[in-house]
């Protein structure tokens, strides 16, 4: 087997695992009950307008795509896990908007060069394993003078710390894959996209009554967390240790008062192909 053939096979296997992971649990519940406001924030930052051709990459159930369509944009929502589109289509119908839903790999988008006015991704493209490939695709499909907008969790914020907490319990990452929260590092994103405008902000999460409810919600609904627990399912001691570690993490980030509130830091990046930052 040639090296290139072997690499392609490993890549297909990795993407199949990613698709399966995001199909676990109920990610649309996370999108609607916990992080719903992030999509409109990103759409607003990108200045989406009526008639714009918009591509939402790694759209999930449409956290950003649906608000963009509600503004009158012509939206295509893509994701590696089309199972998530079921909830997205229901949400779009309830919102009274129409958009296209297409299965697609963020690292190999099935669109022509310069096809979209706005290309965005809300805590989505960050999970593509090869960051430069994904970044190059965002640039390729966006027209010169258009807008690219990416919102990602930071490495030092709550979700970044959650992934660090889960790492000792997870299987080793495949060779060549990069940690998702690096998309929340300004220097890393500049290496990927060049001249960008950035700002950090926090999402205030008051969905949960306390650390235990947060942990149990993510164990039930969030694909990456479910996958890590499955990896250690045969080891009760490690399962209990991860239970404790996630509880302690939420306690550190929690308000310690009523209502229980956490602040999850994110980085919002915008770029204009052929025209520098936002």
C-alpha atoms as a PDB file:
ATOM      1  CA  UNK A   1       0.000   0.000   0.000  1.00  0.00           C
ATOM      2  CA  UNK A   2       1.388   3.402  -0.935  1.00  0.00           C
ATOM      3  CA  UNK A   3       1.813   6.065   1.730  1.00  0.00           C
ATOM      4  CA  UNK A   4      -0.799   8.286   0.089  1.00  0.00           C
ATOM      5  CA  UNK A   5      -3.322   5.441  -0.068  1.00  0.00           C
ATOM      6  CA  UNK A   6      -2.656   4.588   3.566  1.00  0.00           C
ATOM      7  CA  UNK A   7      -3.041   8.237   4.549  1.00  0.00           C
ATOM      8  CA  UNK A   8      -6.369   8.494   2.733  1.00  0.00           C
ATOM      9  CA  UNK A   9      -7.578   5.362   4.476  1.00  0.00           C
ATOM     10  CA  UNK A  10      -6.614   6.685   7.892  1.00  0.00           C
ATOM     11  CA  UNK A  11      -8.269  10.004   7.088  1.00  0.00           C
ATOM     12  CA  UNK A  12     -11.527   8.307   6.113  1.00  0.00           C
ATOM     13  CA  UNK A  13     -11.406   6.272   9.309  1.00  0.00           C
ATOM     14  CA  UNK A  14     -10.823   9.401  11.387  1.00  0.00           C
ATOM     15  CA  UNK A  15     -13.703  11.256   9.722  1.00  0.00           C
ATOM     16  CA  UNK A  16     -15.995   8.267  10.276  1.00  0.00           C
ATOM     17  CA  UNK A  17     -15.125   8.363  13.976  1.00  0.00           C
ATOM     18  CA  UNK A  18     -15.795  12.104  14.122  1.00  0.00           C
ATOM     19  CA  UNK A  19     -19.160  11.675  12.435  1.00  0.00           C
ATOM     20  CA  UNK A  20     -20.088   8.890  14.841  1.00  0.00           C
ATOM     21  CA  UNK A  21     -18.989  10.957  17.863  1.00  0.00           C
ATOM     22  CA  UNK A  22     -21.169  13.935  16.950  1.00  0.00           C
ATOM     23  CA  UNK A  23     -24.073  11.583  16.410  1.00  0.00           C
ATOM     24  CA  UNK A  24     -23.879  10.442  20.030  1.00  0.00           C
ATOM     25  CA  UNK A  25     -26.233  11.886  22.606  1.00  0.00           C
ATOM     26  CA  UNK A  26     -28.163  15.003  21.676  1.00  0.00           C
ATOM     27  CA  UNK A  27     -25.974  17.841  20.430  1.00  0.00           C
ATOM     28  CA  UNK A  28     -29.002  19.905  19.356  1.00  0.00           C
ATOM     29  CA  UNK A  29     -29.948  20.061  23.043  1.00  0.00           C
ATOM     30  CA  UNK A  30     -26.558  21.623  23.778  1.00  0.00           C
ATOM     31  CA  UNK A  31     -27.004  24.050  20.881  1.00  0.00           C
ATOM     32  CA  UNK A  32     -30.492  25.194  21.896  1.00  0.00           C
ATOM     33  CA  UNK A  33     -30.395  24.954  25.686  1.00  0.00           C
ATOM     34  CA  UNK A  34     -26.835  26.082  26.452  1.00  0.00           C
ATOM     35  CA  UNK A  35     -25.120  27.979  23.620  1.00  0.00           C
ATOM     36  CA  UNK A  36     -28.047  29.291  21.547  1.00  0.00           C
ATOM     37  CA  UNK A  37     -26.961  32.929  21.695  1.00  0.00           C
ATOM     38  CA  UNK A  38     -23.575  32.285  20.065  1.00  0.00           C
ATOM     39  CA  UNK A  39     -24.988  31.797  16.564  1.00  0.00           C
ATOM     40  CA  UNK A  40     -26.689  35.204  16.420  1.00  0.00           C
ATOM     41  CA  UNK A  41     -23.550  36.807  17.885  1.00  0.00           C
ATOM     42  CA  UNK A  42     -21.447  35.408  15.046  1.00  0.00           C
ATOM     43  CA  UNK A  43     -23.994  36.299  12.374  1.00  0.00           C
ATOM     44  CA  UNK A  44     -24.152  39.860  13.687  1.00  0.00           C
ATOM     45  CA  UNK A  45     -20.366  40.173  13.780  1.00  0.00           C
ATOM     46  CA  UNK A  46     -20.178  39.064  10.145  1.00  0.00           C
ATOM     47  CA  UNK A  47     -22.750  41.657   9.077  1.00  0.00           C
ATOM     48  CA  UNK A  48     -24.945  39.154   7.255  1.00  0.00           C
ATOM     49  CA  UNK A  49     -27.564  40.915   5.107  1.00  0.00           C
ATOM     50  CA  UNK A  50     -30.565  40.004   3.011  1.00  0.00           C
ATOM     51  CA  UNK A  51     -29.525  38.360  -0.234  1.00  0.00           C
ATOM     52  CA  UNK A  52     -26.039  37.357   0.936  1.00  0.00           C
ATOM     53  CA  UNK A  53     -24.832  33.913  -0.098  1.00  0.00           C
ATOM     54  CA  UNK A  54     -23.864  32.342   3.232  1.00  0.00           C
ATOM     55  CA  UNK A  55     -22.125  29.049   3.999  1.00  0.00           C
ATOM     56  CA  UNK A  56     -22.218  27.695   7.552  1.00  0.00           C
ATOM     57  CA  UNK A  57     -19.395  25.145   7.950  1.00  0.00           C
ATOM     58  CA  UNK A  58     -19.819  22.419  10.576  1.00  0.00           C
ATOM     59  CA  UNK A  59     -23.245  23.902  11.201  1.00  0.00           C
ATOM     60  CA  UNK A  60     -24.597  21.191  13.476  1.00  0.00           C
ATOM     61  CA  UNK A  61     -28.301  21.842  13.900  1.00  0.00           C
ATOM     62  CA  UNK A  62     -28.069  25.387  12.531  1.00  0.00           C
ATOM     63  CA  UNK A  63     -27.079  27.529  15.502  1.00  0.00           C
ATOM     64  CA  UNK A  64     -25.745  30.209  13.119  1.00  0.00           C
ATOM     65  CA  UNK A  65     -27.334  29.128   9.826  1.00  0.00           C
ATOM     66  CA  UNK A  66     -30.913  29.656  10.970  1.00  0.00           C
ATOM     67  CA  UNK A  67     -30.345  33.225  12.294  1.00  0.00           C
ATOM     68  CA  UNK A  68     -28.568  34.047   9.027  1.00  0.00           C
ATOM     69  CA  UNK A  69     -31.517  32.734   7.012  1.00  0.00           C
ATOM     70  CA  UNK A  70     -33.890  34.737   9.193  1.00  0.00           C
ATOM     71  CA  UNK A  71     -32.152  37.891   7.930  1.00  0.00           C
ATOM     72  CA  UNK A  72     -33.002  36.945   4.359  1.00  0.00           C
ATOM     73  CA  UNK A  73     -29.654  35.418   3.401  1.00  0.00           C
ATOM     74  CA  UNK A  74     -29.373  32.455   1.025  1.00  0.00           C
ATOM     75  CA  UNK A  75     -27.876  29.891   3.386  1.00  0.00           C
ATOM     76  CA  UNK A  76     -26.303  26.475   2.958  1.00  0.00           C
ATOM     77  CA  UNK A  77     -25.654  24.632   6.225  1.00  0.00           C
ATOM     78  CA  UNK A  78     -23.079  21.832   6.048  1.00  0.00           C
ATOM     79  CA  UNK A  79     -21.880  19.247   8.526  1.00  0.00           C
ATOM     80  CA  UNK A  80     -19.983  15.978   8.609  1.00  0.00           C
ATOM     81  CA  UNK A  81     -22.810  14.483  10.710  1.00  0.00           C
ATOM     82  CA  UNK A  82     -26.073  14.964   8.780  1.00  0.00           C
ATOM     83  CA  UNK A  83     -27.974  13.301  11.617  1.00  0.00           C
ATOM     84  CA  UNK A  84     -27.918  16.729  13.239  1.00  0.00           C
ATOM     85  CA  UNK A  85     -29.949  18.184  10.367  1.00  0.00           C
ATOM     86  CA  UNK A  86     -33.161  16.547  11.600  1.00  0.00           C
ATOM     87  CA  UNK A  87     -33.360  18.897  14.584  1.00  0.00           C
ATOM     88  CA  UNK A  88     -32.068  21.764  12.457  1.00  0.00           C
ATOM     89  CA  UNK A  89     -34.808  21.389   9.887  1.00  0.00           C
ATOM     90  CA  UNK A  90     -37.432  21.325  12.631  1.00  0.00           C
ATOM     91  CA  UNK A  91     -35.972  24.476  14.186  1.00  0.00           C
ATOM     92  CA  UNK A  92     -35.861  26.211  10.805  1.00  0.00           C
ATOM     93  CA  UNK A  93     -39.481  25.309  10.158  1.00  0.00           C
ATOM     94  CA  UNK A  94     -40.517  26.705  13.537  1.00  0.00           C
ATOM     95  CA  UNK A  95     -38.577  29.885  12.744  1.00  0.00           C
ATOM     96  CA  UNK A  96     -40.313  30.156   9.378  1.00  0.00           C
ATOM     97  CA  UNK A  97     -37.097  30.158   7.347  1.00  0.00           C
ATOM     98  CA  UNK A  98     -35.753  28.083   4.474  1.00  0.00           C
ATOM     99  CA  UNK A  99     -32.169  26.989   3.876  1.00  0.00           C
ATOM    100  CA  UNK A 100     -30.266  24.134   2.273  1.00  0.00           C
ATOM    101  CA  UNK A 101     -28.681  21.352   4.322  1.00  0.00           C
ATOM    102  CA  UNK A 102     -25.756  19.415   2.853  1.00  0.00           C
ATOM    103  CA  UNK A 103     -23.433  16.777   4.259  1.00  0.00           C
ATOM    104  CA  UNK A 104     -19.854  17.983   3.794  1.00  0.00           C
ATOM    105  CA  UNK A 105     -16.357  17.633   5.203  1.00  0.00           C
ATOM    106  CA  UNK A 106     -14.977  20.983   6.381  1.00  0.00           C
ATOM    107  CA  UNK A 107     -11.582  19.978   5.007  1.00  0.00           C
ATOM    108  CA  UNK A 108     -12.937  19.252   1.506  1.00  0.00           C
ATOM    109  CA  UNK A 109     -15.959  21.453   0.867  1.00  0.00           C
ATOM    110  CA  UNK A 110     -17.973  20.521  -2.244  1.00  0.00           C
ATOM    111  CA  UNK A 111     -18.239  24.087  -3.543  1.00  0.00           C
ATOM    112  CA  UNK A 112     -16.475  26.207  -6.117  1.00  0.00           C
ATOM    113  CA  UNK A 113     -13.936  28.943  -5.465  1.00  0.00           C
ATOM    114  CA  UNK A 114     -15.260  32.374  -4.414  1.00  0.00           C
ATOM    115  CA  UNK A 115     -18.830  31.058  -4.186  1.00  0.00           C
ATOM    116  CA  UNK A 116     -20.025  32.760  -0.990  1.00  0.00           C
ATOM    117  CA  UNK A 117     -20.280  36.285   0.391  1.00  0.00           C
ATOM    118  CA  UNK A 118     -20.020  35.074   3.993  1.00  0.00           C
ATOM    119  CA  UNK A 119     -18.464  31.861   5.321  1.00  0.00           C
ATOM    120  CA  UNK A 120     -18.947  31.232   9.010  1.00  0.00           C
ATOM    121  CA  UNK A 121     -18.621  28.543  11.652  1.00  0.00           C
ATOM    122  CA  UNK A 122     -19.829  28.592  15.249  1.00  0.00           C
ATOM    123  CA  UNK A 123     -17.840  26.223  17.507  1.00  0.00           C
ATOM    124  CA  UNK A 124     -17.803  23.861  14.549  1.00  0.00           C
ATOM    125  CA  UNK A 125     -14.824  24.009  12.190  1.00  0.00           C
ATOM    126  CA  UNK A 126     -12.559  24.044  15.240  1.00  0.00           C
ATOM    127  CA  UNK A 127     -13.199  20.308  15.567  1.00  0.00           C
ATOM    128  CA  UNK A 128     -11.875  19.443  12.092  1.00  0.00           C
ATOM    129  CA  UNK A 129      -8.656  17.542  12.840  1.00  0.00           C
ATOM    130  CA  UNK A 130      -6.368  19.279  10.311  1.00  0.00           C
ATOM    131  CA  UNK A 131      -6.631  22.991  10.971  1.00  0.00           C
ATOM    132  CA  UNK A 132      -4.795  24.381   7.963  1.00  0.00           C
ATOM    133  CA  UNK A 133      -6.809  22.262   5.548  1.00  0.00           C
ATOM    134  CA  UNK A 134     -10.033  23.550   7.046  1.00  0.00           C
ATOM    135  CA  UNK A 135      -8.837  27.162   7.123  1.00  0.00           C
ATOM    136  CA  UNK A 136      -7.756  26.971   3.480  1.00  0.00           C
ATOM    137  CA  UNK A 137     -11.224  25.746   2.526  1.00  0.00           C
ATOM    138  CA  UNK A 138     -12.904  28.656   4.327  1.00  0.00           C
ATOM    139  CA  UNK A 139     -10.763  31.060   2.338  1.00  0.00           C
ATOM    140  CA  UNK A 140     -11.163  29.214  -0.958  1.00  0.00           C
ATOM    141  CA  UNK A 141     -14.966  29.289  -1.039  1.00  0.00           C
ATOM    142  CA  UNK A 142     -15.297  32.910   0.150  1.00  0.00           C
ATOM    143  CA  UNK A 143     -15.232  35.602  -2.510  1.00  0.00           C
ATOM    144  CA  UNK A 144     -12.549  38.320  -2.383  1.00  0.00           C
ATOM    145  CA  UNK A 145     -13.884  41.122  -0.220  1.00  0.00           C
ATOM    146  CA  UNK A 146     -16.351  38.780   1.483  1.00  0.00           C
ATOM    147  CA  UNK A 147     -16.340  37.835   5.135  1.00  0.00           C
ATOM    148  CA  UNK A 148     -15.098  34.832   7.074  1.00  0.00           C
ATOM    149  CA  UNK A 149     -16.258  34.510  10.675  1.00  0.00           C
ATOM    150  CA  UNK A 150     -15.263  31.786  13.136  1.00  0.00           C
ATOM    151  CA  UNK A 151     -16.262  31.519  16.788  1.00  0.00           C
ATOM    152  CA  UNK A 152     -14.254  29.021  18.849  1.00  0.00           C
ATOM    153  CA  UNK A 153     -13.751  28.048  22.476  1.00  0.00           C
ATOM    154  CA  UNK A 154     -10.392  29.203  23.854  1.00  0.00           C
ATOM    155  CA  UNK A 155      -7.745  26.821  25.249  1.00  0.00           C
ATOM    156  CA  UNK A 156      -7.749  28.603  28.616  1.00  0.00           C
ATOM    157  CA  UNK A 157     -11.516  29.018  28.946  1.00  0.00           C
ATOM    158  CA  UNK A 158     -13.970  26.569  30.444  1.00  0.00           C
ATOM    159  CA  UNK A 159     -14.469  24.304  27.422  1.00  0.00           C
ATOM    160  CA  UNK A 160     -10.747  24.261  26.685  1.00  0.00           C
ATOM    161  CA  UNK A 161     -10.140  23.232  30.286  1.00  0.00           C
ATOM    162  CA  UNK A 162     -12.866  20.593  29.971  1.00  0.00           C
ATOM    163  CA  UNK A 163     -11.031  18.989  27.058  1.00  0.00           C
ATOM    164  CA  UNK A 164      -7.781  19.062  29.062  1.00  0.00           C
ATOM    165  CA  UNK A 165      -9.632  17.417  31.941  1.00  0.00           C
ATOM    166  CA  UNK A 166     -10.968  14.649  29.702  1.00  0.00           C
ATOM    167  CA  UNK A 167      -7.701  14.051  27.811  1.00  0.00           C
ATOM    168  CA  UNK A 168      -6.152  11.528  30.281  1.00  0.00           C
ATOM    169  CA  UNK A 169      -9.293   9.404  29.961  1.00  0.00           C
ATOM    170  CA  UNK A 170      -9.530   9.565  26.156  1.00  0.00           C
ATOM    171  CA  UNK A 171      -7.767   7.366  23.594  1.00  0.00           C
ATOM    172  CA  UNK A 172      -4.624   8.891  22.070  1.00  0.00           C
ATOM    173  CA  UNK A 173      -5.430  11.318  19.247  1.00  0.00           C
ATOM    174  CA  UNK A 174      -4.682  10.107  15.717  1.00  0.00           C
ATOM    175  CA  UNK A 175      -1.308  11.208  14.295  1.00  0.00           C
ATOM    176  CA  UNK A 176      -1.492  14.636  12.682  1.00  0.00           C
ATOM    177  CA  UNK A 177      -4.733  15.748  14.317  1.00  0.00           C
ATOM    178  CA  UNK A 178      -4.690  19.018  16.256  1.00  0.00           C
ATOM    179  CA  UNK A 179      -6.522  19.997  19.467  1.00  0.00           C
ATOM    180  CA  UNK A 180      -9.780  21.800  18.714  1.00  0.00           C
ATOM    181  CA  UNK A 181      -9.312  24.671  21.229  1.00  0.00           C
ATOM    182  CA  UNK A 182      -6.233  25.883  19.334  1.00  0.00           C
ATOM    183  CA  UNK A 183      -8.739  27.677  17.087  1.00  0.00           C
ATOM    184  CA  UNK A 184      -9.346  29.872  20.134  1.00  0.00           C
ATOM    185  CA  UNK A 185      -5.690  30.970  20.246  1.00  0.00           C
ATOM    186  CA  UNK A 186      -5.155  34.257  18.410  1.00  0.00           C
ATOM    187  CA  UNK A 187      -1.630  33.457  17.229  1.00  0.00           C
ATOM    188  CA  UNK A 188      -2.688  30.056  15.921  1.00  0.00           C
ATOM    189  CA  UNK A 189      -5.592  31.533  13.975  1.00  0.00           C
ATOM    190  CA  UNK A 190      -3.351  34.194  12.462  1.00  0.00           C
ATOM    191  CA  UNK A 191      -1.032  31.414  11.313  1.00  0.00           C
ATOM    192  CA  UNK A 192      -4.033  29.725   9.697  1.00  0.00           C
ATOM    193  CA  UNK A 193      -5.844  32.699   8.149  1.00  0.00           C
ATOM    194  CA  UNK A 194      -3.352  35.562   8.053  1.00  0.00           C
ATOM    195  CA  UNK A 195      -4.630  39.046   8.823  1.00  0.00           C
ATOM    196  CA  UNK A 196      -7.674  38.741  11.074  1.00  0.00           C
ATOM    197  CA  UNK A 197      -9.640  40.815  13.549  1.00  0.00           C
ATOM    198  CA  UNK A 198     -10.222  39.114  16.888  1.00  0.00           C
ATOM    199  CA  UNK A 199     -12.073  39.683  20.106  1.00  0.00           C
ATOM    200  CA  UNK A 200     -12.553  37.551  23.187  1.00  0.00           C
ATOM    201  CA  UNK A 201     -15.802  37.390  25.084  1.00  0.00           C
ATOM    202  CA  UNK A 202     -17.646  35.055  27.407  1.00  0.00           C
ATOM    203  CA  UNK A 203     -20.891  33.163  27.235  1.00  0.00           C
ATOM    204  CA  UNK A 204     -22.718  33.333  30.546  1.00  0.00           C
ATOM    205  CA  UNK A 205     -24.212  29.898  31.172  1.00  0.00           C
ATOM    206  CA  UNK A 206     -26.946  29.738  33.798  1.00  0.00           C
ATOM    207  CA  UNK A 207     -28.703  26.671  32.380  1.00  0.00           C
ATOM    208  CA  UNK A 208     -27.713  24.345  35.203  1.00  0.00           C
ATOM    209  CA  UNK A 209     -28.701  24.312  38.867  1.00  0.00           C
ATOM    210  CA  UNK A 210     -25.173  23.336  39.860  1.00  0.00           C
ATOM    211  CA  UNK A 211     -22.003  21.448  38.886  1.00  0.00           C
ATOM    212  CA  UNK A 212     -23.687  18.053  39.101  1.00  0.00           C
ATOM    213  CA  UNK A 213     -26.400  18.985  36.624  1.00  0.00           C
ATOM    214  CA  UNK A 214     -23.803  20.348  34.204  1.00  0.00           C
ATOM    215  CA  UNK A 215     -21.736  17.163  34.373  1.00  0.00           C
ATOM    216  CA  UNK A 216     -24.720  14.865  33.975  1.00  0.00           C
ATOM    217  CA  UNK A 217     -26.113  16.907  31.077  1.00  0.00           C
ATOM    218  CA  UNK A 218     -22.830  16.698  29.186  1.00  0.00           C
ATOM    219  CA  UNK A 219     -22.440  12.986  29.960  1.00  0.00           C
ATOM    220  CA  UNK A 220     -25.840  12.427  28.375  1.00  0.00           C
ATOM    221  CA  UNK A 221     -25.845  14.889  25.468  1.00  0.00           C
ATOM    222  CA  UNK A 222     -22.368  16.025  24.341  1.00  0.00           C
ATOM    223  CA  UNK A 223     -20.688  13.673  21.873  1.00  0.00           C
ATOM    224  CA  UNK A 224     -17.033  14.226  22.898  1.00  0.00           C
ATOM    225  CA  UNK A 225     -17.868  13.685  26.575  1.00  0.00           C
ATOM    226  CA  UNK A 226     -19.926  10.578  25.825  1.00  0.00           C
ATOM    227  CA  UNK A 227     -17.063   9.171  23.719  1.00  0.00           C
ATOM    228  CA  UNK A 228     -14.562   9.638  26.562  1.00  0.00           C
ATOM    229  CA  UNK A 229     -16.848   7.920  29.055  1.00  0.00           C
ATOM    230  CA  UNK A 230     -17.320   5.037  26.617  1.00  0.00           C
ATOM    231  CA  UNK A 231     -13.546   4.696  26.364  1.00  0.00           C
ATOM    232  CA  UNK A 232     -13.320   3.999  30.116  1.00  0.00           C
ATOM    233  CA  UNK A 233     -16.659   2.219  30.513  1.00  0.00           C
ATOM    234  CA  UNK A 234     -14.986  -0.965  31.722  1.00  0.00           C
ATOM    235  CA  UNK A 235     -13.075   0.798  34.497  1.00  0.00           C
ATOM    236  CA  UNK A 236     -15.350   1.978  37.347  1.00  0.00           C
ATOM    237  CA  UNK A 237     -12.477   3.674  39.173  1.00  0.00           C
ATOM    238  CA  UNK A 238     -11.521   5.824  36.198  1.00  0.00           C
ATOM    239  CA  UNK A 239     -15.175   6.591  35.522  1.00  0.00           C
ATOM    240  CA  UNK A 240     -15.604   7.828  39.079  1.00  0.00           C
ATOM    241  CA  UNK A 241     -12.377   9.828  38.786  1.00  0.00           C
ATOM    242  CA  UNK A 242     -13.628  11.573  35.637  1.00  0.00           C
ATOM    243  CA  UNK A 243     -16.942  12.237  37.374  1.00  0.00           C
ATOM    244  CA  UNK A 244     -15.019  13.972  40.167  1.00  0.00           C
ATOM    245  CA  UNK A 245     -12.735  15.881  37.809  1.00  0.00           C
ATOM    246  CA  UNK A 246     -15.608  17.323  35.774  1.00  0.00           C
ATOM    247  CA  UNK A 247     -17.475  18.214  38.946  1.00  0.00           C
ATOM    248  CA  UNK A 248     -14.442  20.036  40.336  1.00  0.00           C
ATOM    249  CA  UNK A 249     -13.951  21.867  37.032  1.00  0.00           C
ATOM    250  CA  UNK A 250     -17.531  23.153  37.061  1.00  0.00           C
ATOM    251  CA  UNK A 251     -17.162  24.153  40.710  1.00  0.00           C
ATOM    252  CA  UNK A 252     -14.045  26.194  39.874  1.00  0.00           C
ATOM    253  CA  UNK A 253     -15.809  28.055  37.090  1.00  0.00           C
ATOM    254  CA  UNK A 254     -19.163  28.365  38.851  1.00  0.00           C
ATOM    255  CA  UNK A 255     -20.427  31.454  40.603  1.00  0.00           C
ATOM    256  CA  UNK A 256     -20.820  29.748  43.964  1.00  0.00           C
ATOM    257  CA  UNK A 257     -24.123  31.553  44.434  1.00  0.00           C
ATOM    258  CA  UNK A 258     -27.678  31.443  43.128  1.00  0.00           C
ATOM    259  CA  UNK A 259     -28.290  31.160  40.293  1.00  0.00           C
ATOM    260  CA  UNK A 260     -25.341  28.907  39.455  1.00  0.00           C
ATOM    261  CA  UNK A 261     -23.565  30.665  36.579  1.00  0.00           C
ATOM    262  CA  UNK A 262     -20.429  29.896  34.590  1.00  0.00           C
ATOM    263  CA  UNK A 263     -18.539  32.027  32.094  1.00  0.00           C
ATOM    264  CA  UNK A 264     -17.254  30.184  29.027  1.00  0.00           C
ATOM    265  CA  UNK A 265     -14.630  32.132  27.098  1.00  0.00           C
ATOM    266  CA  UNK A 266     -14.584  32.175  23.308  1.00  0.00           C
ATOM    267  CA  UNK A 267     -12.617  33.865  20.527  1.00  0.00           C
ATOM    268  CA  UNK A 268     -14.467  35.484  17.636  1.00  0.00           C
ATOM    269  CA  UNK A 269     -12.359  35.876  14.491  1.00  0.00           C
ATOM    270  CA  UNK A 270     -13.287  37.714  11.292  1.00  0.00           C
ATOM    271  CA  UNK A 271     -11.290  38.048   8.094  1.00  0.00           C
ATOM    272  CA  UNK A 272     -11.792  39.496   4.630  1.00  0.00           C
ATOM    273  CA  UNK A 273     -10.113  37.469   1.855  1.00  0.00           C
ATOM    274  CA  UNK A 274      -8.091  39.794  -0.293  1.00  0.00           C
ATOM    275  CA  UNK A 275      -8.805  42.646   2.095  1.00  0.00           C
ATOM    276  CA  UNK A 276      -7.225  41.807   5.450  1.00  0.00           C
ATOM    277  CA  UNK A 277      -9.064  41.685   8.771  1.00  0.00           C
ATOM    278  CA  UNK A 278     -12.601  42.794   9.503  1.00  0.00           C
END
